[in-house]
Protein backbone atom coordinates (compact mmCIF):
# COMPACT_ATOMS: atom_id res chain seq x y z
CA MET A 1 8.41 -21.13 59.71
CA ASP A 2 6.50 -24.08 60.55
CA LEU A 3 6.69 -25.47 64.40
CA SER A 4 8.66 -28.46 62.99
CA GLN A 5 11.32 -26.42 61.30
CA LEU A 6 11.35 -24.31 64.54
CA LEU A 7 11.63 -27.49 66.70
CA SER A 8 14.42 -28.86 64.16
CA ASP A 9 16.35 -25.66 64.53
CA LEU A 10 16.15 -25.37 68.01
CA TRP A 11 17.64 -29.03 68.24
CA ILE A 12 20.74 -28.06 65.84
CA ILE A 13 21.36 -25.07 67.91
CA GLY A 14 20.97 -26.99 71.28
CA PHE A 15 23.40 -29.97 69.69
CA LEU A 16 25.88 -27.52 68.63
CA GLY A 17 25.68 -25.56 72.06
CA LEU A 18 26.66 -29.18 73.72
CA GLN A 19 29.31 -29.74 71.30
CA MET A 20 30.99 -26.21 72.27
CA ALA A 21 30.62 -26.84 76.01
CA ALA A 22 31.97 -30.31 75.94
CA VAL A 23 34.66 -29.07 73.56
CA ILE A 24 35.15 -26.19 76.20
CA LEU A 25 35.18 -28.68 79.36
CA THR A 26 37.23 -30.79 77.69
CA THR A 27 40.24 -28.42 76.28
CA THR A 28 40.33 -27.37 79.93
CA HIS A 29 40.75 -30.48 81.51
CA LEU A 30 43.61 -30.97 79.02
CA VAL A 31 45.21 -27.80 79.46
CA LEU A 32 45.04 -28.02 83.03
CA SER A 33 45.76 -31.73 84.26
CA ASN A 34 48.30 -32.96 81.35
CA ARG A 35 52.20 -32.45 82.27
CA ASP A 36 52.99 -33.91 79.15
CA VAL A 37 52.95 -31.15 76.31
CA PRO A 38 53.02 -33.51 73.13
CA SER A 39 50.20 -35.15 74.47
CA THR A 40 48.19 -32.35 75.34
CA VAL A 41 48.63 -30.72 71.76
CA GLY A 42 47.88 -34.02 70.04
CA TRP A 43 44.75 -34.54 72.04
CA THR A 44 43.75 -31.13 71.60
CA GLY A 45 44.26 -31.33 68.08
CA LEU A 46 41.81 -34.44 67.73
CA VAL A 47 38.97 -32.35 70.19
CA LEU A 48 39.00 -29.49 68.22
CA LEU A 49 39.20 -31.08 64.56
CA THR A 50 36.37 -33.89 65.61
CA PRO A 51 34.63 -32.93 68.52
CA LEU A 52 32.46 -35.87 68.38
CA VAL A 53 35.23 -38.58 68.15
CA GLY A 54 38.00 -36.42 70.00
CA VAL A 55 35.81 -35.73 73.08
CA ALA A 56 34.35 -39.38 73.13
CA LEU A 57 37.95 -40.99 72.85
CA TYR A 58 39.60 -38.38 75.48
CA TRP A 59 37.21 -38.98 78.28
CA VAL A 60 37.62 -42.75 77.69
CA PHE A 61 41.47 -43.45 77.01
CA GLY A 62 43.24 -39.87 77.89
CA ILE A 63 42.35 -39.77 81.48
CA ASN A 64 45.44 -41.22 82.81
CA ARG A 65 45.37 -40.43 86.37
CA ILE A 66 43.42 -41.17 89.06
CA LYS A 67 43.35 -40.00 92.74
CA ARG A 68 43.29 -43.02 95.44
CA LYS A 69 43.94 -40.84 98.80
CA ALA A 70 46.42 -43.53 99.29
CA HIS A 71 47.47 -41.93 102.47
CA ARG A 72 44.27 -42.92 103.94
CA LEU A 73 44.45 -46.57 102.45
CA ARG A 74 47.62 -47.27 104.58
CA PRO A 75 48.01 -50.45 106.46
CA GLU A 76 47.26 -50.86 110.26
CA THR A 77 50.81 -52.40 110.97
CA SER A 78 51.90 -53.63 114.47
CA ILE A 79 55.07 -51.54 116.49
CA GLN A 80 56.88 -54.69 116.02
CA SER A 81 56.79 -54.89 112.47
CA ASP A 82 57.22 -50.83 111.97
CA GLU A 83 60.34 -50.81 114.82
CA ALA A 84 61.78 -53.81 112.81
CA SER A 85 61.32 -51.74 109.29
CA VAL A 86 63.55 -48.27 111.00
CA ARG A 87 66.49 -50.66 111.92
CA ALA A 88 66.24 -52.25 108.15
CA GLU A 89 66.72 -48.60 107.20
CA GLN A 90 69.52 -47.21 109.54
CA ARG A 91 71.66 -50.51 108.59
CA ALA A 92 70.71 -49.79 104.76
CA HIS A 93 72.49 -46.15 104.95
CA ARG A 94 75.44 -47.29 106.82
CA LEU A 95 76.11 -50.27 104.24
CA LEU A 96 75.05 -47.82 101.12
CA GLU A 97 78.01 -45.57 102.40
CA SER A 98 80.33 -47.91 102.73
CA ARG A 99 79.92 -50.59 100.14
CA PHE A 100 78.66 -48.13 97.02
CA PRO A 101 79.61 -44.63 98.59
CA ARG A 102 79.48 -43.47 94.54
CA LEU A 103 75.67 -44.62 94.87
CA VAL A 104 74.47 -43.11 97.88
CA PRO A 105 73.45 -39.81 95.65
CA LEU A 106 70.93 -42.42 93.70
CA GLY A 107 70.13 -43.84 97.30
CA HIS A 108 68.97 -40.24 98.14
CA LEU A 109 67.06 -39.41 94.89
CA GLY A 110 65.53 -43.28 95.39
CA ASP A 111 64.17 -41.75 99.12
CA GLU A 112 62.69 -38.48 97.93
CA LEU A 113 60.91 -40.03 94.88
CA THR A 114 59.39 -43.29 96.30
CA LEU A 115 58.54 -41.54 99.92
CA SER A 116 60.18 -44.84 101.43
CA VAL A 117 63.34 -46.05 102.06
CA LEU A 118 66.54 -48.39 101.47
CA GLU A 119 66.37 -51.53 103.68
CA ALA A 120 69.33 -53.96 104.32
CA GLY A 121 69.33 -57.53 104.99
CA ASN A 122 67.36 -59.06 102.09
CA ARG A 123 68.09 -62.23 100.25
CA ILE A 124 66.93 -61.85 96.10
CA THR A 125 66.97 -65.18 94.03
CA PRO A 126 66.35 -64.83 90.59
CA LEU A 127 64.32 -67.76 89.18
CA VAL A 128 64.42 -68.25 85.12
CA ASN A 129 60.78 -68.79 83.20
CA GLY A 130 57.67 -70.27 84.74
CA ASP A 131 59.68 -73.63 84.84
CA ALA A 132 62.12 -72.60 87.74
CA ALA A 133 59.20 -69.91 89.52
CA TYR A 134 56.03 -71.77 89.26
CA PRO A 135 57.09 -74.93 91.65
CA VAL A 136 58.63 -72.21 94.03
CA MET A 137 55.77 -70.29 94.05
CA LEU A 138 53.34 -73.40 94.43
CA ALA A 139 55.85 -74.55 97.21
CA ALA A 140 55.48 -71.32 98.92
CA ILE A 141 52.04 -71.16 98.89
CA ASP A 142 51.44 -75.00 100.19
CA SER A 143 53.82 -73.97 103.40
CA ALA A 144 51.21 -70.69 104.04
CA GLN A 145 50.28 -70.88 107.57
CA ARG A 146 48.31 -67.64 107.90
CA SER A 147 48.14 -65.22 104.86
CA LEU A 148 48.37 -65.35 101.05
CA ALA A 149 48.21 -62.12 98.86
CA LEU A 150 48.35 -62.69 95.01
CA SER A 151 48.27 -60.11 92.44
CA SER A 152 48.91 -60.82 88.80
CA TYR A 153 47.79 -59.06 85.34
CA ILE A 154 46.80 -62.26 83.53
CA PHE A 155 46.09 -64.90 85.94
CA GLU A 156 45.08 -68.04 82.76
CA ASN A 157 42.57 -71.04 83.47
CA ASP A 158 44.89 -73.03 81.95
CA SER A 159 47.17 -75.94 82.79
CA ALA A 160 49.42 -73.63 84.68
CA GLY A 161 46.90 -71.28 86.49
CA GLN A 162 44.92 -74.25 87.50
CA LEU A 163 47.85 -75.45 89.63
CA PHE A 164 48.00 -72.09 91.25
CA ILE A 165 43.81 -72.39 91.64
CA ALA A 166 44.17 -75.49 93.41
CA ALA A 167 46.85 -74.41 95.53
CA LEU A 168 45.02 -71.46 96.87
CA GLN A 169 41.86 -73.59 97.46
CA ARG A 170 43.95 -76.22 99.82
CA ALA A 171 45.13 -72.76 101.60
CA GLN A 172 41.94 -71.48 102.18
CA GLN A 173 40.60 -74.99 103.37
CA ARG A 174 43.35 -75.22 105.96
CA GLY A 175 41.90 -71.72 107.69
CA VAL A 176 44.84 -69.19 105.60
CA GLN A 177 43.48 -65.96 104.50
CA VAL A 178 44.03 -65.76 101.06
CA ARG A 179 43.34 -62.61 99.13
CA VAL A 180 43.73 -62.32 95.28
CA LEU A 181 43.63 -59.64 92.92
CA ILE A 182 43.51 -59.41 89.14
CA ASP A 183 43.56 -56.83 86.45
CA GLY A 184 40.04 -56.05 85.01
CA VAL A 185 41.58 -56.07 81.62
CA GLY A 186 44.13 -58.85 82.02
CA GLN A 187 41.01 -61.14 83.20
CA TRP A 188 39.54 -61.30 79.59
CA TYR A 189 43.04 -63.56 78.22
CA SER A 190 40.65 -66.55 79.41
CA ARG A 191 37.57 -68.21 79.64
CA PRO A 192 36.06 -68.33 82.05
CA HIS A 193 37.62 -65.77 83.72
CA THR A 194 39.54 -66.85 86.53
CA PRO A 195 37.91 -64.56 88.95
CA LYS A 196 34.56 -66.28 88.56
CA VAL A 197 36.08 -69.37 88.95
CA LEU A 198 38.11 -68.41 92.20
CA ARG A 199 34.87 -66.76 93.72
CA GLN A 200 33.02 -69.91 93.01
CA LEU A 201 35.47 -71.72 94.88
CA GLY A 202 35.18 -69.11 98.48
CA ILE A 203 38.26 -67.41 97.49
CA PRO A 204 37.94 -63.53 98.03
CA THR A 205 38.92 -62.34 94.73
CA GLY A 206 39.43 -58.59 93.66
CA VAL A 207 38.99 -56.91 90.24
CA PHE A 208 41.17 -53.90 89.62
CA LEU A 209 39.10 -51.49 87.84
CA GLU A 210 36.70 -53.63 86.39
CA SER A 211 33.72 -53.12 84.24
CA ALA A 212 31.07 -55.36 82.25
CA LEU A 213 31.09 -52.71 79.05
CA PRO A 214 34.70 -51.35 78.84
CA ILE A 215 33.78 -48.38 76.92
CA ARG A 216 31.73 -47.48 80.30
CA ASN A 217 34.88 -47.46 82.33
CA PRO A 218 36.45 -43.86 82.69
CA TYR A 219 39.51 -45.56 83.66
CA VAL A 220 39.96 -48.56 80.55
CA ASN A 221 43.22 -46.84 79.87
CA LEU A 222 44.73 -47.59 83.43
CA ARG A 223 45.97 -51.26 84.38
CA ASN A 224 47.41 -52.99 87.51
CA HIS A 225 50.33 -54.66 85.80
CA ARG A 226 51.81 -55.40 88.97
CA LYS A 227 52.83 -58.95 89.96
CA ILE A 228 52.93 -59.80 93.31
CA LEU A 229 52.99 -62.89 95.39
CA VAL A 230 53.40 -62.75 99.36
CA VAL A 231 53.24 -65.57 101.91
CA ASP A 232 52.73 -65.01 105.51
CA GLY A 233 54.07 -61.76 105.03
CA ARG A 234 57.50 -63.00 104.82
CA VAL A 235 58.28 -64.32 101.57
CA GLY A 236 57.61 -62.56 98.37
CA PHE A 237 57.77 -63.22 94.69
CA THR A 238 57.57 -60.31 91.92
CA GLY A 239 58.92 -59.69 88.83
CA GLY A 240 57.30 -60.30 84.82
CA LEU A 241 55.52 -63.16 85.32
CA ASN A 242 51.95 -63.77 84.53
CA LEU A 243 50.38 -66.98 85.55
CA ARG A 244 49.82 -69.05 81.93
CA GLU A 245 51.12 -72.42 80.78
CA GLY A 246 52.96 -70.12 77.87
CA CYS A 247 55.83 -69.45 80.58
CA VAL A 248 56.57 -73.12 81.17
CA LEU A 249 59.08 -73.91 78.32
CA ALA A 250 59.62 -77.65 79.19
CA CYS A 251 55.79 -78.23 78.09
CA ASN A 252 56.47 -76.63 74.60
CA PRO A 253 53.39 -74.11 74.78
CA GLN A 254 52.33 -72.86 71.52
CA HIS A 255 53.39 -69.78 72.36
CA PRO A 256 56.16 -69.77 74.60
CA VAL A 257 57.51 -67.10 76.59
CA GLN A 258 61.00 -66.63 78.52
CA ASP A 259 60.63 -64.52 81.51
CA LEU A 260 62.09 -63.56 84.73
CA HIS A 261 60.78 -63.78 88.48
CA PHE A 262 62.14 -62.95 91.51
CA LYS A 263 61.87 -64.90 95.07
CA VAL A 264 62.24 -62.09 97.80
CA GLU A 265 63.19 -62.38 101.35
CA GLY A 266 63.63 -60.08 104.31
CA PRO A 267 62.60 -56.42 105.48
CA VAL A 268 61.99 -55.65 101.71
CA VAL A 269 59.03 -58.03 101.39
CA ARG A 270 56.83 -55.10 103.44
CA GLY A 271 56.89 -53.30 100.77
CA LEU A 272 55.43 -55.78 98.39
CA MET A 273 52.66 -56.35 100.72
CA GLU A 274 52.21 -52.63 101.52
CA THR A 275 51.64 -52.18 97.41
CA PHE A 276 49.35 -55.14 97.60
CA GLY A 277 47.28 -53.87 100.43
CA LEU A 278 46.67 -50.47 98.88
CA ASP A 279 45.72 -52.04 95.71
CA TRP A 280 43.40 -54.27 97.43
CA ALA A 281 41.88 -51.80 99.80
CA PHE A 282 40.98 -49.63 96.49
CA THR A 283 39.49 -52.43 94.99
CA THR A 284 37.69 -53.89 97.44
CA GLY A 285 37.47 -51.56 100.36
CA GLU A 286 39.14 -53.89 102.61
CA ARG A 287 42.22 -52.82 104.53
CA LEU A 288 44.69 -55.64 105.64
CA GLY A 289 46.47 -55.08 108.78
CA CYS A 290 48.13 -56.50 111.95
CA ASP A 291 50.65 -59.32 112.12
CA ASP A 292 48.96 -61.63 109.91
CA TRP A 293 49.80 -59.59 107.04
CA TYR A 294 52.77 -57.21 108.63
CA PRO A 295 54.81 -59.48 110.74
CA ALA A 296 58.09 -58.21 111.96
CA LEU A 297 60.56 -59.09 109.17
CA VAL A 298 64.34 -60.43 110.30
CA PRO A 299 67.53 -60.28 107.77
CA ALA A 300 67.63 -62.86 105.70
CA GLY A 301 70.34 -61.87 103.35
CA ASP A 302 72.89 -59.38 102.59
CA CYS A 303 70.97 -56.86 99.67
CA ILE A 304 70.17 -53.46 100.04
CA ALA A 305 66.93 -52.87 98.41
CA ARG A 306 63.58 -50.98 97.88
CA CYS A 307 60.09 -51.58 96.41
CA VAL A 308 59.41 -48.82 93.51
CA PRO A 309 55.44 -48.78 93.33
CA ASP A 310 54.51 -46.40 90.25
CA GLY A 311 51.29 -45.57 88.40
CA PRO A 312 48.67 -42.96 87.45
CA ASP A 313 48.21 -41.81 91.16
CA GLU A 314 50.27 -40.40 94.03
CA ASP A 315 53.45 -42.51 92.67
CA PHE A 316 53.12 -40.84 88.79
CA ASP A 317 56.26 -40.91 87.14
CA VAL A 318 58.54 -42.56 89.83
CA LEU A 319 59.87 -45.41 87.58
CA ARG A 320 61.35 -43.13 84.79
CA ARG A 321 63.14 -40.73 86.63
CA LEU A 322 64.60 -43.40 89.12
CA ILE A 323 66.07 -44.51 85.73
CA LEU A 324 67.24 -41.68 84.71
CA GLY A 325 69.05 -41.10 87.63
CA ALA A 326 70.44 -44.29 87.43
CA LEU A 327 71.40 -43.11 83.86
CA ALA A 328 73.22 -40.42 85.50
CA HIS A 329 75.43 -42.51 87.66
CA ALA A 330 76.36 -44.47 85.40
CA GLN A 331 80.42 -44.83 84.86
CA ARG A 332 81.58 -48.29 82.96
CA ARG A 333 78.58 -50.09 81.91
CA VAL A 334 74.41 -50.05 81.44
CA ARG A 335 72.45 -53.18 80.53
CA ILE A 336 68.98 -52.97 79.48
CA VAL A 337 66.35 -56.16 78.70
CA THR A 338 63.28 -55.53 77.91
CA PRO A 339 59.79 -56.94 75.66
CA TYR A 340 59.10 -53.37 74.89
CA PHE A 341 61.41 -50.94 74.02
CA LEU A 342 59.75 -47.63 73.24
CA PRO A 343 61.83 -44.59 75.19
CA ASP A 344 60.79 -41.13 75.06
CA GLN A 345 62.65 -38.58 73.83
CA THR A 346 64.17 -37.47 77.44
CA LEU A 347 65.23 -41.10 78.09
CA ILE A 348 66.75 -41.51 74.36
CA THR A 349 68.68 -38.52 74.84
CA ALA A 350 69.83 -39.65 78.53
CA LEU A 351 71.00 -42.99 77.01
CA ASN A 352 72.90 -41.27 73.83
CA VAL A 353 74.66 -38.87 76.22
CA ILE A 354 76.12 -41.70 78.76
CA ALA A 355 76.99 -43.41 75.60
CA MET A 356 78.66 -40.86 73.86
CA SER A 357 80.64 -40.29 76.95
CA GLY A 358 82.22 -43.66 77.08
CA VAL A 359 79.80 -45.61 79.14
CA GLU A 360 78.97 -49.16 76.91
CA VAL A 361 75.09 -49.08 76.69
CA GLN A 362 73.55 -52.68 75.99
CA ILE A 363 69.98 -52.99 74.94
CA LEU A 364 68.34 -56.73 74.48
CA VAL A 365 64.73 -56.66 72.78
CA PRO A 366 63.39 -59.89 71.37
CA GLN A 367 63.98 -60.39 67.67
CA ARG A 368 60.30 -61.13 66.87
CA ASN A 369 57.83 -59.40 69.34
CA ASN A 370 54.28 -60.04 70.30
CA LEU A 371 52.75 -56.88 69.38
CA ARG A 372 53.49 -56.02 66.07
CA PHE A 373 52.49 -52.32 66.50
CA VAL A 374 54.82 -52.01 69.16
CA GLN A 375 57.94 -54.05 67.03
CA TRP A 376 57.76 -51.60 64.05
CA ALA A 377 57.51 -48.52 66.41
CA ALA A 378 60.78 -49.63 67.81
CA GLU A 379 62.55 -49.87 64.51
CA ALA A 380 61.60 -46.70 63.59
CA GLN A 381 63.13 -45.26 66.72
CA ALA A 382 66.20 -47.72 66.95
CA GLU A 383 68.28 -45.47 63.90
CA GLN A 384 67.93 -42.33 66.62
CA ILE A 385 69.41 -44.75 69.30
CA LEU A 386 72.21 -46.39 67.42
CA ASP A 387 73.44 -42.88 66.12
CA GLY A 388 74.01 -42.02 69.55
CA ARG A 389 76.60 -45.02 70.35
CA SER A 390 74.24 -47.43 72.27
CA ARG A 391 74.01 -50.71 70.84
CA ILE A 392 70.59 -52.56 70.13
CA PHE A 393 70.80 -56.83 70.08
CA VAL A 394 67.88 -58.73 69.28
CA THR A 395 67.46 -61.99 71.40
CA PRO A 396 65.96 -65.02 68.92
CA PRO A 397 62.43 -67.21 70.04
CA PRO A 398 60.89 -67.95 72.08
CA PHE A 399 59.69 -64.03 72.70
CA ASP A 400 61.55 -62.66 75.98
CA HIS A 401 59.31 -60.80 78.27
CA SER A 402 62.08 -60.55 80.76
CA LYS A 403 62.58 -56.76 82.36
CA LEU A 404 66.14 -56.09 83.70
CA MET A 405 68.32 -53.16 83.88
CA LEU A 406 71.98 -53.22 85.37
CA VAL A 407 74.44 -50.64 85.81
CA ASP A 408 78.04 -50.89 87.03
CA ASP A 409 77.78 -54.43 88.55
CA ALA A 410 76.41 -53.24 91.61
CA TRP A 411 72.73 -51.58 90.90
CA CYS A 412 69.65 -53.67 89.71
CA PHE A 413 66.33 -52.89 88.73
CA PHE A 414 63.80 -55.30 87.86
CA GLY A 415 60.34 -56.03 87.97
CA SER A 416 56.78 -55.43 86.02
CA ALA A 417 57.74 -52.65 83.96
CA ASN A 418 58.68 -51.86 80.36
CA TRP A 419 60.31 -49.40 78.67
CA ASP A 420 57.46 -47.80 76.94
CA PRO A 421 54.82 -45.32 77.55
CA ARG A 422 51.78 -47.51 78.89
CA SER A 423 54.40 -48.91 81.49
CA LEU A 424 56.22 -45.74 82.81
CA ARG A 425 52.64 -43.18 82.28
CA LEU A 426 50.14 -45.48 82.28
CA ASN A 427 50.20 -48.67 84.14
CA PHE A 428 50.20 -49.31 88.06
CA GLU A 429 53.52 -51.56 87.87
CA LEU A 430 56.29 -52.45 90.94
CA ASN A 431 59.90 -52.66 90.62
CA ILE A 432 62.40 -53.56 93.00
CA GLU A 433 65.90 -51.68 93.33
CA CYS A 434 68.98 -53.29 94.66
CA TYR A 435 72.36 -52.67 95.45
CA ASP A 436 74.10 -55.62 95.56
CA SER A 437 77.64 -57.01 93.10
CA VAL A 438 76.67 -60.70 94.09
CA LEU A 439 73.30 -60.20 92.84
CA ALA A 440 74.13 -57.80 89.86
CA GLN A 441 77.16 -60.53 89.21
CA ARG A 442 74.38 -63.23 88.79
CA LEU A 443 72.20 -61.54 86.48
CA ASN A 444 74.95 -60.07 84.39
CA ALA A 445 75.49 -63.92 83.65
CA LEU A 446 71.73 -64.39 82.60
CA VAL A 447 72.36 -61.23 80.30
CA ASP A 448 75.64 -62.75 78.68
CA GLU A 449 73.22 -65.92 78.28
CA LYS A 450 71.27 -64.27 76.12
CA LEU A 451 73.82 -62.20 74.12
CA ALA A 452 76.03 -65.43 73.21
CA SER A 453 72.74 -66.12 70.77
CA ALA A 454 71.59 -62.72 70.20
CA ILE A 455 71.98 -60.32 66.66
CA GLU A 456 73.37 -56.99 67.12
CA ILE A 457 71.63 -54.22 65.18
CA ARG A 458 73.60 -51.38 63.23
CA ALA A 459 71.99 -48.25 62.31
CA ALA A 460 73.09 -49.00 58.48
CA ASP A 461 70.77 -51.87 58.70
CA MET A 462 67.76 -49.38 59.64
CA ARG A 463 68.89 -47.07 57.10
CA ALA A 464 68.93 -49.99 54.28
CA ARG A 465 65.36 -50.78 55.21
CA GLN A 466 62.95 -50.15 51.73
CA LEU A 467 60.59 -47.04 51.96
CA PRO A 468 57.43 -48.76 52.54
CA ILE A 469 58.73 -50.48 55.69
CA ARG A 470 60.51 -47.14 57.07
CA LEU A 471 56.88 -45.51 56.27
CA ARG A 472 55.24 -47.97 58.02
CA ASP A 473 57.27 -47.92 61.13
CA GLY A 474 57.46 -44.38 61.25
CA PHE A 475 53.68 -44.10 60.98
CA ALA A 476 53.91 -46.88 63.93
CA ARG A 477 55.79 -44.79 65.81
CA LEU A 478 53.35 -41.74 66.09
CA LEU A 479 50.98 -44.05 68.06
CA THR A 480 53.61 -44.74 70.48
CA PRO A 481 51.83 -42.88 73.19
CA TYR A 482 49.23 -45.29 73.35
CA LEU A 483 50.49 -48.73 72.57
């Protein structure tokens, strides 16, 4: 055997050895860190059958947890702010027991899941589409005197985004402390990227898990999908709205998007600010604290509410479990509005159980989704959900990006999260749960308006689809964990 052949054989042996070591390391990591059995089996099969591709894909897309050591990043709040929060908590428990005694166990579940408390004295105002929300948000920014915190998954540099850029610049020029956080994936929706524009204006801007080459980013699959605006630590906004001209329907945009956002006042604003502060500290290393960001908050209304952050970190799987708890406490009606409806088998079973028990379950989804594969996968699941006695309605264009859940005209749940694996397992999300019959009445009226033009889908309609369509949808459903 000559030297070249020997070197070739050694190279092959070394390559196979490294490949085997990578497969063993990846499989070990899968078994020890992945809680979801179907996901673990799927990734393990991919790694074993196609080692090079499987190992590479897993370490780029399969690492769905991140340790942020959140307890080390908590804000430095003032004594007055902490004392006001304690008073709001004590009042909330008394009010919950008197107004909604049947839902007290659901409140306790939220306590355990979030490690936070319900707070009384809040006022929540729904804002429909960018038409209603953007002017109120811009006016709030222009009224800021001490601090502005803005986080958005998408912040486009278009006609709508430029209004916010100008307002942030004005606030910065008059001495307001401004901090803007944009997701590393979401920034790619616009050119030039909005973070670059903001930094050129001298506005402190962070990009969540930024990478010039996304494939080199070990957390490319993790996105900050939260939408938060907090003004002077006292007035907040959250919901489903990104910052883009497509959300202003009066402008007749090329790709119009309906959505629902909320103005938040009262003690629960602190939860919005704390969530932003944690994300900001993780991204930039700067910890925001003291009265400029965390003032003592006074009651502004009668709503009992709590912020519910969720993400692939210490807050993992909070939203899904709270949704399951809310379904378990439903007695009369559950209404769900979501653009992407891909519940896992546990959620499907819960919906079927309560629907067959006599609870009316109404699910509203867009008739025409902006993500084709998501629509196909959702249609593949629809028959199973309809057979369980839940009702599905499709709403006509424009595309409805609203995210809302209502239980028994008392419990309201809204924010940035969708009913899909990406929101409930991979994204950093923020919802607010509210115990408020008046707010529930207003939101039910909005749902009634959507139902007036919606079309109900029947199980027979799903079974009548042609075989090629059913096969297409079935294959799309196999991608559900990654959509």
